Amino acid sequence: MDAAAAGRGLGFMSAVKGAWPVSAGAAALTVMLAALLAALALTPVAAAPTAKEKARAEAKAKADAKKADAKKNEAKPDPRVWVLAKADDTYVLRYGTPRATDPVFAVACQPGAQLIQFTVEAASGKVKAGDGVALTLAVGKRRLELAASAFRGPTEGRVVVEAAVALDGRVLDLLNEGETLIVRMPGASESYPLAGAKAKLGDFRRGCLTGR
């Protein structure tokens, strides 16, 4: 190759280099992309959860939901209270909301007839209106078994259960034996705090046994 041709070749190469200039910023970007791709290649891919892990996660979610519901219920004050009332020859100790027509639990005595009647409103469970019901009242270690009858409740899915026994001070003593009254019947159970009833039990007992 002569000197002229060589000169022309060098000029062509210089022209090619000048057509695609590589800046310092572009070079830095290329290095960053290469590093990012390398990091992605080294990142482990999480395995899909097994059936046991899914079941465990679902059980935990349900347990957390129940705890949240329990906290909400604890935060709401119970509007139900114990009230002592008298009508003619009947004394009634009832538990329910103050303005409700029907209480969720009531014990009434009639000194003239020498009777005590228990009335409970509860979820129907296995009991239907018209059924005979084995009703259990428990406070502390004491328990009272009663033969009761079921009637249609004021709302769907509820029944009213009533049982009557002879007036006896030992039956009235049941409510003094603990802090919670537990009522059980087939397929259902209810519990009522007795703290608000304590102050009224003396007057109720006196009215039932003496009529005053």
Protein backbone atom coordinates (compact mmCIF):
# COMPACT_ATOMS: atom_id res chain seq x y z
CA MET A 1 0.00 0.00 0.00
CA ASP A 2 1.44 3.42 -0.91
CA ALA A 3 1.55 6.37 1.42
CA ALA A 4 -1.47 8.01 -0.19
CA ALA A 5 -3.61 4.91 0.24
CA ALA A 6 -2.49 4.54 3.82
CA GLY A 7 -3.40 8.14 4.48
CA ARG A 8 -6.85 7.60 3.02
CA GLY A 9 -7.36 4.50 5.23
CA LEU A 10 -6.43 6.38 8.40
CA GLY A 11 -8.81 9.14 7.44
CA PHE A 12 -11.65 6.61 6.96
CA MET A 13 -11.02 5.08 10.38
CA SER A 14 -11.02 8.49 11.97
CA ALA A 15 -14.33 9.25 10.28
CA VAL A 16 -15.88 5.97 11.57
CA LYS A 17 -14.76 6.66 15.12
CA GLY A 18 -16.18 10.14 14.95
CA ALA A 19 -19.61 8.80 13.77
CA TRP A 20 -20.26 6.84 17.02
CA PRO A 21 -18.75 8.78 19.86
CA VAL A 22 -18.90 6.94 23.25
CA SER A 23 -19.43 9.36 26.13
CA ALA A 24 -18.41 8.78 29.76
CA GLY A 25 -22.12 8.77 30.81
CA ALA A 26 -23.01 6.02 28.35
CA ALA A 27 -20.12 3.92 29.56
CA ALA A 28 -21.22 4.33 33.19
CA LEU A 29 -24.79 3.34 32.27
CA THR A 30 -23.51 0.21 30.56
CA VAL A 31 -21.59 -0.75 33.71
CA MET A 32 -24.67 -0.19 35.92
CA LEU A 33 -26.90 -2.33 33.68
CA ALA A 34 -24.36 -5.11 33.73
CA ALA A 35 -24.20 -4.99 37.53
CA LEU A 36 -28.02 -5.01 37.80
CA LEU A 37 -28.35 -8.02 35.52
CA ALA A 38 -25.71 -9.85 37.52
CA ALA A 39 -27.59 -9.11 40.77
CA LEU A 40 -30.87 -10.36 39.30
CA ALA A 41 -29.21 -13.54 38.15
CA LEU A 42 -27.99 -14.19 41.70
CA THR A 43 -31.36 -13.41 43.41
CA PRO A 44 -33.05 -16.67 44.55
CA VAL A 45 -36.63 -17.26 43.41
CA ALA A 46 -39.04 -18.02 46.32
CA ALA A 47 -40.60 -21.47 46.17
CA ALA A 48 -44.41 -21.75 46.02
CA PRO A 49 -45.96 -22.44 49.48
CA THR A 50 -46.81 -26.05 50.23
CA ALA A 51 -50.31 -27.25 51.14
CA LYS A 52 -49.32 -27.40 54.83
CA GLU A 53 -47.97 -23.85 54.74
CA LYS A 54 -51.18 -22.62 53.09
CA ALA A 55 -53.31 -24.40 55.70
CA ARG A 56 -51.18 -22.95 58.50
CA ALA A 57 -51.51 -19.44 57.06
CA GLU A 58 -55.30 -19.79 56.72
CA ALA A 59 -55.61 -21.08 60.30
CA LYS A 60 -53.55 -18.15 61.57
CA ALA A 61 -55.69 -15.67 59.62
CA LYS A 62 -58.87 -17.15 61.14
CA ALA A 63 -57.39 -17.08 64.64
CA ASP A 64 -56.36 -13.43 64.19
CA ALA A 65 -59.88 -12.58 62.98
CA LYS A 66 -61.43 -14.24 66.05
CA LYS A 67 -59.09 -12.31 68.34
CA ALA A 68 -60.05 -9.06 66.62
CA ASP A 69 -63.76 -9.85 67.03
CA ALA A 70 -63.22 -10.71 70.69
CA LYS A 71 -61.50 -7.37 71.28
CA LYS A 72 -64.38 -5.55 69.59
CA ASN A 73 -66.90 -7.34 71.80
CA GLU A 74 -64.87 -6.55 74.91
CA ALA A 75 -64.84 -2.89 73.98
CA LYS A 76 -68.63 -2.71 73.79
CA PRO A 77 -70.33 -2.31 77.19
CA ASP A 78 -73.21 -4.70 77.86
CA PRO A 79 -76.41 -2.62 78.09
CA ARG A 80 -78.30 -5.35 79.98
CA VAL A 81 -79.01 -4.86 83.68
CA TRP A 82 -80.78 -6.61 86.56
CA VAL A 83 -84.10 -5.09 87.61
CA LEU A 84 -86.38 -6.03 90.51
CA ALA A 85 -90.09 -5.41 89.90
CA LYS A 86 -93.37 -6.20 91.64
CA ALA A 87 -96.81 -6.60 90.10
CA ASP A 88 -99.75 -7.67 92.27
CA ASP A 89 -98.70 -10.92 93.96
CA THR A 90 -95.65 -11.46 91.76
CA TYR A 91 -92.03 -10.44 92.37
CA VAL A 92 -89.73 -10.55 89.34
CA LEU A 93 -85.95 -10.35 89.13
CA ARG A 94 -85.16 -9.90 85.45
CA TYR A 95 -82.06 -9.44 83.31
CA GLY A 96 -82.19 -7.56 80.00
CA THR A 97 -82.03 -4.15 78.39
CA PRO A 98 -83.96 -1.56 80.43
CA ARG A 99 -86.63 -0.76 77.82
CA ALA A 100 -87.03 -4.26 76.40
CA THR A 101 -90.46 -5.83 76.79
CA ASP A 102 -89.05 -9.32 77.29
CA PRO A 103 -85.93 -10.05 79.36
CA VAL A 104 -83.38 -12.68 78.34
CA PHE A 105 -83.66 -14.20 81.82
CA ALA A 106 -86.16 -13.81 84.65
CA VAL A 107 -87.04 -15.53 87.87
CA ALA A 108 -90.49 -14.74 89.27
CA CYS A 109 -92.14 -15.87 92.48
CA GLN A 110 -95.77 -15.88 93.56
CA PRO A 111 -96.03 -16.16 97.35
CA GLY A 112 -99.77 -16.76 97.19
CA ALA A 113 -99.39 -19.69 94.80
CA GLN A 114 -96.11 -20.83 96.37
CA LEU A 115 -94.43 -21.03 92.97
CA ILE A 116 -91.14 -19.94 91.39
CA GLN A 117 -90.94 -19.61 87.63
CA PHE A 118 -87.77 -19.35 85.53
CA THR A 119 -87.94 -17.86 82.05
CA VAL A 120 -85.04 -17.94 79.59
CA GLU A 121 -84.76 -16.60 76.07
CA ALA A 122 -82.02 -18.39 74.12
CA ALA A 123 -80.88 -19.53 70.70
CA SER A 124 -83.15 -22.35 69.61
CA GLY A 125 -80.32 -24.83 69.00
CA LYS A 126 -81.95 -28.27 68.99
CA VAL A 127 -85.12 -27.02 70.69
CA LYS A 128 -88.35 -26.13 68.87
CA ALA A 129 -91.49 -24.42 70.12
CA GLY A 130 -93.70 -27.00 71.82
CA ASP A 131 -90.82 -29.24 72.93
CA GLY A 132 -90.25 -30.41 76.46
CA VAL A 133 -86.80 -29.21 77.52
CA ALA A 134 -84.26 -30.35 80.10
CA LEU A 135 -83.12 -27.00 81.51
CA THR A 136 -80.05 -26.64 83.73
CA LEU A 137 -79.17 -23.60 85.84
CA ALA A 138 -75.66 -23.59 87.29
CA VAL A 139 -73.92 -21.10 89.58
CA GLY A 140 -70.54 -22.03 90.99
CA LYS A 141 -70.70 -25.64 92.15
CA ARG A 142 -74.48 -25.67 92.53
CA ARG A 143 -76.79 -26.85 89.81
CA LEU A 144 -80.55 -26.98 89.41
CA GLU A 145 -82.18 -29.38 86.93
CA LEU A 146 -85.62 -28.37 85.67
CA ALA A 147 -88.26 -29.81 83.35
CA ALA A 148 -89.26 -26.93 81.09
CA SER A 149 -91.39 -26.15 78.04
CA ALA A 150 -90.33 -24.21 74.93
CA PHE A 151 -92.32 -21.47 73.23
CA ARG A 152 -91.74 -19.39 70.12
CA GLY A 153 -89.30 -16.56 70.79
CA PRO A 154 -89.74 -12.89 69.87
CA THR A 155 -87.25 -13.19 66.99
CA GLU A 156 -86.33 -15.83 64.42
CA GLY A 157 -83.96 -18.51 65.74
CA ARG A 158 -84.85 -17.84 69.38
CA VAL A 159 -87.09 -19.69 71.84
CA VAL A 160 -88.46 -18.86 75.27
CA VAL A 161 -88.15 -21.68 77.79
CA GLU A 162 -90.17 -21.71 81.02
CA ALA A 163 -90.04 -23.94 84.10
CA ALA A 164 -91.94 -23.72 87.40
CA VAL A 165 -91.10 -25.29 90.78
CA ALA A 166 -92.43 -25.04 94.32
CA LEU A 167 -91.38 -21.91 96.20
CA ASP A 168 -88.37 -22.83 98.32
CA GLY A 169 -85.66 -20.63 99.81
CA ARG A 170 -82.99 -23.13 98.77
CA VAL A 171 -83.89 -22.54 95.12
CA LEU A 172 -83.47 -18.79 95.59
CA ASP A 173 -80.09 -19.37 97.24
CA LEU A 174 -78.75 -20.61 93.91
CA LEU A 175 -78.15 -17.05 92.69
CA ASN A 176 -75.97 -16.29 95.72
CA GLU A 177 -73.44 -19.04 94.99
CA GLY A 178 -71.19 -17.36 92.43
CA GLU A 179 -70.55 -14.58 89.96
CA THR A 180 -72.06 -16.07 86.80
CA LEU A 181 -75.32 -17.85 86.05
CA ILE A 182 -74.98 -20.46 83.30
CA VAL A 183 -78.12 -21.72 81.58
CA ARG A 184 -77.92 -24.87 79.46
CA MET A 185 -80.40 -26.73 77.31
CA PRO A 186 -79.97 -29.07 74.33
CA GLY A 187 -77.90 -27.33 71.67
CA ALA A 188 -77.60 -23.98 73.47
CA SER A 189 -75.91 -22.32 76.42
CA GLU A 190 -76.19 -18.80 77.84
CA SER A 191 -74.35 -17.06 80.66
CA TYR A 192 -75.35 -14.01 82.70
CA PRO A 193 -73.20 -12.00 85.14
CA LEU A 194 -74.69 -11.86 88.63
CA ALA A 195 -72.76 -8.85 89.91
CA GLY A 196 -75.68 -6.48 89.31
CA ALA A 197 -78.16 -8.90 90.91
CA LYS A 198 -76.39 -9.24 94.27
CA ALA A 199 -77.75 -6.01 95.73
CA LYS A 200 -81.32 -6.98 94.79
CA LEU A 201 -81.34 -10.61 95.93
CA GLY A 202 -82.10 -9.76 99.58
CA ASP A 203 -85.26 -7.81 98.71
CA PHE A 204 -86.30 -10.43 96.17
CA ARG A 205 -85.92 -13.28 98.64
CA ARG A 206 -87.78 -11.38 101.35
CA GLY A 207 -90.64 -10.55 98.99
CA CYS A 208 -90.92 -14.15 97.80
CA LEU A 209 -90.84 -15.74 101.25
CA THR A 210 -92.83 -13.21 103.23
CA GLY A 211 -94.86 -11.41 100.59
CA ARG A 212 -93.49 -8.05 101.72
